[in-house]
Amino acid sequence: MVVAKTSAIDQITIPKLHRQATAAARFAGGLPKINLSSAAAATEIVGACEELGFFKVTNHGVSHELLAKLEAESVKFFSLPRLAKEDAGAASPFGYGCREIGRKGDVGWIEYLLLEASSINPSLSSSLRSVLKEYVPAMKTLLASFWS
């Protein structure tokens, strides 16, 4: 028997929306999925950003294999001990950062890695750098084709 692994993005649950009842109804099924080959894609992206702040794109032209490699390398990075992640440098503006969030009972912890598209941080693992060397040009190509 083969069990397909659900990607991390598909496991995100959308919190109860407080902005508009229409937004809650519109996105009740999960993250909005926007088909980039659709003529309405730009309008749908704006709507998703205004109403929810998140969206998932389809028909983007970036290989699923590359996205899976990037996700695996990201999981490896964020699984490292905090001191090892701090070797990527402080987020000022690019690098590793972490902080407490929530002041009204929803306290948590967030970690992030801000990357510069023009140069890949040499302190990252060689496997993560290798994937980023494929991913960054793929994103630049995607954006150039989408906005032209």
N, C-alpha and C. Protein backbone atom coordinates (compact mmCIF):
# COMPACT_ATOMS: atom_id res chain seq x y z
N MET A 1 0.84 -1.17 0.00
CA MET A 1 0.00 0.00 0.00
C MET A 1 0.89 1.24 0.00
N VAL A 2 0.51 2.24 -0.77
CA VAL A 2 1.24 3.49 -0.85
C VAL A 2 0.37 4.59 -0.26
N VAL A 3 0.95 5.36 0.64
CA VAL A 3 0.23 6.47 1.25
C VAL A 3 0.91 7.76 0.79
N ALA A 4 0.14 8.63 0.17
CA ALA A 4 0.70 9.90 -0.29
C ALA A 4 0.84 10.86 0.88
N LYS A 5 1.97 11.48 0.97
CA LYS A 5 2.22 12.46 2.03
C LYS A 5 1.57 13.78 1.64
N THR A 6 0.84 14.37 2.56
CA THR A 6 0.27 15.68 2.32
C THR A 6 1.35 16.71 2.55
N SER A 7 1.46 17.67 1.62
CA SER A 7 2.49 18.70 1.77
C SER A 7 2.17 19.59 2.96
N ALA A 8 3.18 20.26 3.46
CA ALA A 8 3.01 21.11 4.64
C ALA A 8 1.99 22.21 4.38
N ILE A 9 1.97 22.76 3.17
CA ILE A 9 1.04 23.85 2.87
C ILE A 9 -0.40 23.38 2.92
N ASP A 10 -0.66 22.11 2.56
CA ASP A 10 -2.02 21.59 2.59
C ASP A 10 -2.48 21.29 4.01
N GLN A 11 -1.57 21.29 4.97
CA GLN A 11 -1.92 21.00 6.35
C GLN A 11 -2.26 22.25 7.15
N ILE A 12 -2.16 23.41 6.52
CA ILE A 12 -2.46 24.67 7.21
C ILE A 12 -3.96 24.80 7.39
N THR A 13 -4.36 25.07 8.60
CA THR A 13 -5.78 25.34 8.84
C THR A 13 -5.98 26.84 8.90
N ILE A 14 -7.06 27.27 8.35
CA ILE A 14 -7.34 28.70 8.32
C ILE A 14 -8.07 29.08 9.59
N PRO A 15 -7.55 30.07 10.31
CA PRO A 15 -8.21 30.49 11.55
C PRO A 15 -9.54 31.16 11.25
N LYS A 16 -10.36 31.24 12.26
CA LYS A 16 -11.64 31.91 12.12
C LYS A 16 -11.39 33.36 11.70
N LEU A 17 -12.05 33.75 10.64
CA LEU A 17 -11.86 35.09 10.10
C LEU A 17 -12.78 36.08 10.81
N HIS A 18 -12.24 37.23 11.13
CA HIS A 18 -13.03 38.24 11.82
C HIS A 18 -13.36 39.42 10.92
N ARG A 19 -12.73 39.50 9.75
CA ARG A 19 -12.91 40.66 8.88
C ARG A 19 -14.30 40.74 8.27
N GLN A 20 -14.64 39.70 7.51
CA GLN A 20 -15.90 39.74 6.78
C GLN A 20 -16.51 38.35 6.74
N ALA A 21 -17.82 38.31 6.88
CA ALA A 21 -18.51 37.02 6.78
C ALA A 21 -18.33 36.44 5.38
N THR A 22 -18.27 37.30 4.36
CA THR A 22 -18.12 36.80 2.99
C THR A 22 -16.76 36.12 2.81
N ALA A 23 -15.72 36.65 3.43
CA ALA A 23 -14.41 36.03 3.34
C ALA A 23 -14.43 34.67 4.01
N ALA A 24 -15.06 34.56 5.16
CA ALA A 24 -15.13 33.28 5.87
C ALA A 24 -15.86 32.25 5.02
N ALA A 25 -16.93 32.67 4.37
CA ALA A 25 -17.68 31.74 3.52
C ALA A 25 -16.86 31.37 2.28
N ARG A 26 -16.20 32.36 1.71
CA ARG A 26 -15.44 32.13 0.48
C ARG A 26 -14.29 31.16 0.67
N PHE A 27 -13.61 31.23 1.81
CA PHE A 27 -12.43 30.41 2.04
C PHE A 27 -12.67 29.28 3.04
N ALA A 28 -13.92 28.91 3.25
CA ALA A 28 -14.24 27.87 4.22
C ALA A 28 -13.58 26.54 3.88
N GLY A 29 -13.29 26.30 2.61
CA GLY A 29 -12.67 25.04 2.19
C GLY A 29 -11.17 25.00 2.37
N GLY A 30 -10.55 26.06 2.84
CA GLY A 30 -9.10 26.09 3.02
C GLY A 30 -8.48 27.25 2.28
N LEU A 31 -7.18 27.15 2.07
CA LEU A 31 -6.47 28.21 1.36
C LEU A 31 -7.05 28.39 -0.04
N PRO A 32 -7.18 29.64 -0.48
CA PRO A 32 -7.63 29.85 -1.84
C PRO A 32 -6.59 29.33 -2.83
N LYS A 33 -7.05 28.62 -3.85
CA LYS A 33 -6.16 28.09 -4.88
C LYS A 33 -6.35 28.93 -6.13
N ILE A 34 -5.24 29.50 -6.61
CA ILE A 34 -5.30 30.40 -7.75
C ILE A 34 -4.52 29.78 -8.91
N ASN A 35 -5.22 29.60 -10.02
CA ASN A 35 -4.64 29.04 -11.23
C ASN A 35 -3.94 30.16 -11.99
N LEU A 36 -2.61 30.12 -12.05
CA LEU A 36 -1.86 31.19 -12.69
C LEU A 36 -2.05 31.24 -14.20
N SER A 37 -2.61 30.18 -14.78
CA SER A 37 -2.88 30.23 -16.22
C SER A 37 -4.23 30.88 -16.52
N SER A 38 -4.96 31.24 -15.48
CA SER A 38 -6.26 31.89 -15.64
C SER A 38 -6.08 33.38 -15.88
N ALA A 39 -6.97 33.94 -16.72
CA ALA A 39 -6.93 35.38 -16.98
C ALA A 39 -7.28 36.18 -15.73
N ALA A 40 -7.98 35.56 -14.79
CA ALA A 40 -8.40 36.25 -13.56
C ALA A 40 -7.39 36.10 -12.43
N ALA A 41 -6.23 35.51 -12.69
CA ALA A 41 -5.27 35.21 -11.62
C ALA A 41 -4.87 36.45 -10.83
N ALA A 42 -4.54 37.54 -11.50
CA ALA A 42 -4.09 38.74 -10.80
C ALA A 42 -5.18 39.27 -9.87
N THR A 43 -6.40 39.31 -10.34
CA THR A 43 -7.52 39.78 -9.53
C THR A 43 -7.75 38.86 -8.34
N GLU A 44 -7.63 37.55 -8.56
CA GLU A 44 -7.82 36.58 -7.47
C GLU A 44 -6.72 36.70 -6.42
N ILE A 45 -5.50 36.97 -6.85
CA ILE A 45 -4.39 37.15 -5.91
C ILE A 45 -4.64 38.37 -5.03
N VAL A 46 -5.04 39.47 -5.65
CA VAL A 46 -5.33 40.68 -4.88
C VAL A 46 -6.44 40.40 -3.87
N GLY A 47 -7.51 39.74 -4.32
CA GLY A 47 -8.63 39.43 -3.43
C GLY A 47 -8.21 38.55 -2.27
N ALA A 48 -7.42 37.51 -2.55
CA ALA A 48 -6.97 36.61 -1.49
C ALA A 48 -6.07 37.34 -0.49
N CYS A 49 -5.22 38.23 -0.99
CA CYS A 49 -4.33 38.98 -0.10
C CYS A 49 -5.13 39.95 0.78
N GLU A 50 -6.11 40.60 0.19
CA GLU A 50 -6.91 41.56 0.95
C GLU A 50 -7.81 40.87 1.99
N GLU A 51 -8.37 39.73 1.62
CA GLU A 51 -9.35 39.08 2.49
C GLU A 51 -8.73 38.10 3.48
N LEU A 52 -7.66 37.43 3.09
CA LEU A 52 -7.11 36.38 3.95
C LEU A 52 -5.63 36.56 4.23
N GLY A 53 -4.87 36.97 3.22
CA GLY A 53 -3.44 37.16 3.41
C GLY A 53 -2.60 36.01 2.91
N PHE A 54 -3.23 34.91 2.50
CA PHE A 54 -2.51 33.72 2.02
C PHE A 54 -3.24 33.16 0.82
N PHE A 55 -2.49 32.44 -0.02
CA PHE A 55 -3.10 31.74 -1.13
C PHE A 55 -2.11 30.69 -1.63
N LYS A 56 -2.62 29.77 -2.43
CA LYS A 56 -1.80 28.72 -3.04
C LYS A 56 -1.98 28.85 -4.54
N VAL A 57 -0.89 28.74 -5.29
CA VAL A 57 -0.99 28.85 -6.74
C VAL A 57 -0.83 27.49 -7.40
N THR A 58 -1.52 27.32 -8.52
CA THR A 58 -1.40 26.11 -9.35
C THR A 58 -0.99 26.56 -10.75
N ASN A 59 -0.54 25.61 -11.54
CA ASN A 59 -0.08 25.88 -12.92
C ASN A 59 0.95 27.00 -12.96
N HIS A 60 1.93 26.90 -12.06
CA HIS A 60 2.97 27.92 -11.95
C HIS A 60 4.23 27.57 -12.73
N GLY A 61 4.36 26.33 -13.16
CA GLY A 61 5.51 25.94 -13.97
C GLY A 61 6.74 25.52 -13.18
N VAL A 62 6.70 25.61 -11.86
CA VAL A 62 7.83 25.17 -11.04
C VAL A 62 7.59 23.69 -10.71
N SER A 63 8.60 22.87 -10.93
CA SER A 63 8.42 21.42 -10.78
C SER A 63 8.10 21.04 -9.33
N HIS A 64 7.24 20.04 -9.22
CA HIS A 64 6.89 19.53 -7.89
C HIS A 64 8.12 18.94 -7.21
N GLU A 65 9.03 18.38 -8.01
CA GLU A 65 10.26 17.81 -7.46
C GLU A 65 11.10 18.90 -6.78
N LEU A 66 11.25 20.04 -7.44
CA LEU A 66 12.02 21.14 -6.86
C LEU A 66 11.35 21.65 -5.59
N LEU A 67 10.03 21.80 -5.60
CA LEU A 67 9.32 22.26 -4.41
C LEU A 67 9.46 21.27 -3.26
N ALA A 68 9.42 19.98 -3.57
CA ALA A 68 9.58 18.95 -2.53
C ALA A 68 10.99 19.00 -1.94
N LYS A 69 12.00 19.22 -2.80
CA LYS A 69 13.38 19.33 -2.30
C LYS A 69 13.53 20.55 -1.40
N LEU A 70 12.94 21.67 -1.80
CA LEU A 70 13.03 22.88 -0.99
C LEU A 70 12.32 22.68 0.35
N GLU A 71 11.17 22.05 0.33
CA GLU A 71 10.46 21.80 1.58
C GLU A 71 11.28 20.89 2.50
N ALA A 72 11.86 19.84 1.94
CA ALA A 72 12.68 18.92 2.75
C ALA A 72 13.88 19.63 3.36
N GLU A 73 14.55 20.47 2.57
CA GLU A 73 15.71 21.20 3.08
C GLU A 73 15.29 22.24 4.13
N SER A 74 14.14 22.84 3.94
CA SER A 74 13.63 23.80 4.93
C SER A 74 13.32 23.11 6.25
N VAL A 75 12.71 21.94 6.17
CA VAL A 75 12.42 21.17 7.39
C VAL A 75 13.72 20.82 8.10
N LYS A 76 14.75 20.41 7.34
CA LYS A 76 16.05 20.10 7.94
C LYS A 76 16.62 21.33 8.65
N PHE A 77 16.56 22.48 7.98
CA PHE A 77 17.11 23.70 8.58
C PHE A 77 16.39 24.04 9.88
N PHE A 78 15.07 24.06 9.86
CA PHE A 78 14.33 24.47 11.05
C PHE A 78 14.31 23.41 12.14
N SER A 79 14.80 22.20 11.82
CA SER A 79 14.94 21.16 12.83
C SER A 79 16.27 21.24 13.57
N LEU A 80 17.18 22.06 13.08
CA LEU A 80 18.48 22.22 13.72
C LEU A 80 18.32 22.90 15.08
N PRO A 81 19.29 22.71 15.97
CA PRO A 81 19.28 23.47 17.23
C PRO A 81 19.37 24.97 16.93
N ARG A 82 18.83 25.77 17.80
CA ARG A 82 18.76 27.22 17.58
C ARG A 82 20.14 27.83 17.29
N LEU A 83 21.14 27.42 18.01
CA LEU A 83 22.49 27.98 17.78
C LEU A 83 22.99 27.70 16.38
N ALA A 84 22.68 26.52 15.85
CA ALA A 84 23.11 26.19 14.49
C ALA A 84 22.37 27.05 13.47
N LYS A 85 21.09 27.32 13.72
CA LYS A 85 20.32 28.17 12.80
C LYS A 85 20.84 29.60 12.84
N GLU A 86 21.30 30.03 14.00
CA GLU A 86 21.81 31.40 14.13
C GLU A 86 23.08 31.62 13.33
N ASP A 87 23.75 30.52 12.89
CA ASP A 87 24.92 30.65 12.03
C ASP A 87 24.57 31.29 10.68
N ALA A 88 23.28 31.28 10.32
CA ALA A 88 22.84 31.92 9.07
C ALA A 88 22.86 33.43 9.19
N GLY A 89 23.16 33.93 10.37
CA GLY A 89 23.22 35.37 10.59
C GLY A 89 21.89 35.91 11.09
N ALA A 90 21.96 37.02 11.77
CA ALA A 90 20.76 37.64 12.31
C ALA A 90 19.95 38.27 11.17
N ALA A 91 18.66 38.25 11.29
CA ALA A 91 17.78 38.82 10.27
C ALA A 91 17.81 40.34 10.33
N SER A 92 18.77 40.92 9.61
CA SER A 92 18.88 42.38 9.61
C SER A 92 19.31 42.89 8.24
N PRO A 93 18.58 42.87 7.21
CA PRO A 93 17.25 42.27 7.16
C PRO A 93 17.27 40.79 6.81
N PHE A 94 18.36 40.27 6.21
CA PHE A 94 18.37 38.87 5.79
C PHE A 94 19.07 38.00 6.82
N GLY A 95 18.56 36.78 6.99
CA GLY A 95 19.13 35.83 7.92
C GLY A 95 18.05 35.14 8.73
N TYR A 96 18.47 34.51 9.82
CA TYR A 96 17.56 33.75 10.67
C TYR A 96 17.02 34.64 11.78
N GLY A 97 15.76 34.48 12.07
CA GLY A 97 15.16 35.22 13.17
C GLY A 97 14.14 34.37 13.90
N CYS A 98 13.87 34.73 15.13
CA CYS A 98 12.84 34.06 15.91
C CYS A 98 12.32 35.05 16.96
N ARG A 99 11.05 34.91 17.28
CA ARG A 99 10.48 35.80 18.28
C ARG A 99 9.17 35.25 18.80
N GLU A 100 8.80 35.74 19.95
CA GLU A 100 7.49 35.42 20.51
C GLU A 100 6.45 36.25 19.78
N ILE A 101 5.28 35.67 19.61
CA ILE A 101 4.18 36.40 18.98
C ILE A 101 2.94 36.26 19.84
N GLY A 102 2.02 37.17 19.68
CA GLY A 102 0.74 37.11 20.39
C GLY A 102 0.83 37.69 21.78
N ARG A 103 -0.03 38.60 22.04
CA ARG A 103 -0.05 39.24 23.35
C ARG A 103 -1.40 39.08 24.04
N LYS A 104 -2.34 38.44 23.37
CA LYS A 104 -3.70 38.36 23.91
C LYS A 104 -4.15 36.91 24.11
N GLY A 105 -3.29 36.12 24.69
CA GLY A 105 -3.65 34.74 24.97
C GLY A 105 -3.29 33.76 23.89
N ASP A 106 -2.86 34.25 22.74
CA ASP A 106 -2.48 33.37 21.64
C ASP A 106 -0.97 33.36 21.45
N VAL A 107 -0.27 33.26 22.56
CA VAL A 107 1.19 33.35 22.55
C VAL A 107 1.80 32.15 21.83
N GLY A 108 2.81 32.42 21.07
CA GLY A 108 3.51 31.37 20.36
C GLY A 108 4.92 31.81 20.03
N TRP A 109 5.56 31.07 19.18
CA TRP A 109 6.93 31.33 18.79
C TRP A 109 7.01 31.18 17.29
N ILE A 110 7.67 32.10 16.62
CA ILE A 110 7.81 32.02 15.17
C ILE A 110 9.29 32.10 14.82
N GLU A 111 9.67 31.29 13.84
CA GLU A 111 11.02 31.31 13.30
C GLU A 111 10.92 31.64 11.82
N TYR A 112 11.94 32.30 11.31
CA TYR A 112 11.92 32.62 9.90
C TYR A 112 13.35 32.73 9.38
N LEU A 113 13.47 32.56 8.09
CA LEU A 113 14.75 32.70 7.40
C LEU A 113 14.50 33.58 6.19
N LEU A 114 14.99 34.80 6.25
CA LEU A 114 14.82 35.74 5.15
C LEU A 114 16.04 35.63 4.23
N LEU A 115 15.77 35.40 2.96
CA LEU A 115 16.85 35.18 2.00
C LEU A 115 16.91 36.29 0.97
N GLU A 116 18.09 36.63 0.59
CA GLU A 116 18.30 37.62 -0.47
C GLU A 116 18.35 36.87 -1.80
N ALA A 117 17.56 37.33 -2.77
CA ALA A 117 17.48 36.63 -4.05
C ALA A 117 18.75 36.77 -4.88
N SER A 118 19.51 37.82 -4.66
CA SER A 118 20.69 38.05 -5.50
C SER A 118 21.94 37.31 -5.03
N SER A 119 21.96 36.86 -3.79
CA SER A 119 23.10 36.08 -3.32
C SER A 119 22.63 35.11 -2.24
N ILE A 120 23.14 33.89 -2.32
CA ILE A 120 22.74 32.85 -1.39
C ILE A 120 23.75 32.79 -0.25
N ASN A 121 23.24 32.83 0.95
CA ASN A 121 24.05 32.86 2.16
C ASN A 121 25.00 31.66 2.21
N PRO A 122 26.32 31.88 2.23
CA PRO A 122 27.28 30.77 2.23
C PRO A 122 27.29 29.96 3.52
N SER A 123 26.68 30.48 4.60
CA SER A 123 26.69 29.72 5.85
C SER A 123 25.57 28.68 5.91
N LEU A 124 24.67 28.68 4.93
CA LEU A 124 23.63 27.64 4.88
C LEU A 124 24.25 26.34 4.42
N SER A 125 23.60 25.23 4.71
CA SER A 125 24.14 23.93 4.30
C SER A 125 24.27 23.86 2.78
N SER A 126 25.20 23.05 2.31
CA SER A 126 25.42 22.96 0.87
C SER A 126 24.18 22.42 0.16
N SER A 127 23.44 21.53 0.80
CA SER A 127 22.26 20.98 0.15
C SER A 127 21.15 22.03 0.04
N LEU A 128 21.00 22.88 1.05
CA LEU A 128 20.00 23.95 0.99
C LEU A 128 20.42 25.00 -0.04
N ARG A 129 21.71 25.33 -0.07
CA ARG A 129 22.21 26.29 -1.07
C ARG A 129 21.97 25.77 -2.48
N SER A 130 22.20 24.48 -2.68
CA SER A 130 22.02 23.86 -3.99
C SER A 130 20.57 23.98 -4.46
N VAL A 131 19.64 23.70 -3.57
CA VAL A 131 18.22 23.80 -3.91
C VAL A 131 17.84 25.26 -4.17
N LEU A 132 18.35 26.17 -3.36
CA LEU A 132 18.04 27.59 -3.55
C LEU A 132 18.59 28.10 -4.89
N LYS A 133 19.72 27.55 -5.34
CA LYS A 133 20.29 27.96 -6.63
C LYS A 133 19.37 27.55 -7.79
N GLU A 134 18.53 26.54 -7.58
CA GLU A 134 17.52 26.17 -8.58
C GLU A 134 16.23 26.97 -8.37
N TYR A 135 15.86 27.14 -7.11
CA TYR A 135 14.57 27.74 -6.78
C TYR A 135 14.50 29.24 -7.10
N VAL A 136 15.54 30.00 -6.76
CA VAL A 136 15.51 31.45 -6.98
C VAL A 136 15.33 31.78 -8.46
N PRO A 137 16.10 31.19 -9.39
CA PRO A 137 15.85 31.48 -10.80
C PRO A 137 14.46 31.04 -11.27
N ALA A 138 13.96 29.93 -10.73
CA ALA A 138 12.61 29.49 -11.09
C ALA A 138 11.57 30.52 -10.67
N MET A 139 11.75 31.12 -9.48
CA MET A 139 10.82 32.16 -9.02
C MET A 139 10.94 33.43 -9.86
N LYS A 140 12.17 33.78 -10.23
CA LYS A 140 12.36 34.97 -11.08
C LYS A 140 11.70 34.77 -12.44
N THR A 141 11.83 33.58 -12.99
CA THR A 141 11.19 33.27 -14.27
C THR A 141 9.68 33.31 -14.14
N LEU A 142 9.17 32.74 -13.06
CA LEU A 142 7.73 32.75 -12.82
C LEU A 142 7.20 34.18 -12.74
N LEU A 143 7.86 35.00 -11.94
CA LEU A 143 7.41 36.38 -11.80
C LEU A 143 7.50 37.17 -13.11
N ALA A 144 8.58 36.96 -13.84
CA ALA A 144 8.73 37.66 -15.11
C ALA A 144 7.64 37.28 -16.09
N SER A 145 7.30 35.99 -16.13
CA SER A 145 6.26 35.55 -17.06
C SER A 145 4.87 36.00 -16.60
N PHE A 146 4.67 36.04 -15.32
CA PHE A 146 3.35 36.41 -14.79
C PHE A 146 3.08 37.89 -14.96
N TRP A 147 4.06 38.72 -14.71
CA TRP A 147 3.85 40.17 -14.75
C TRP A 147 4.03 40.79 -16.12
N SER A 148 4.50 39.99 -17.09
CA SER A 148 4.68 40.57 -18.43
C SER A 148 3.43 40.50 -19.27
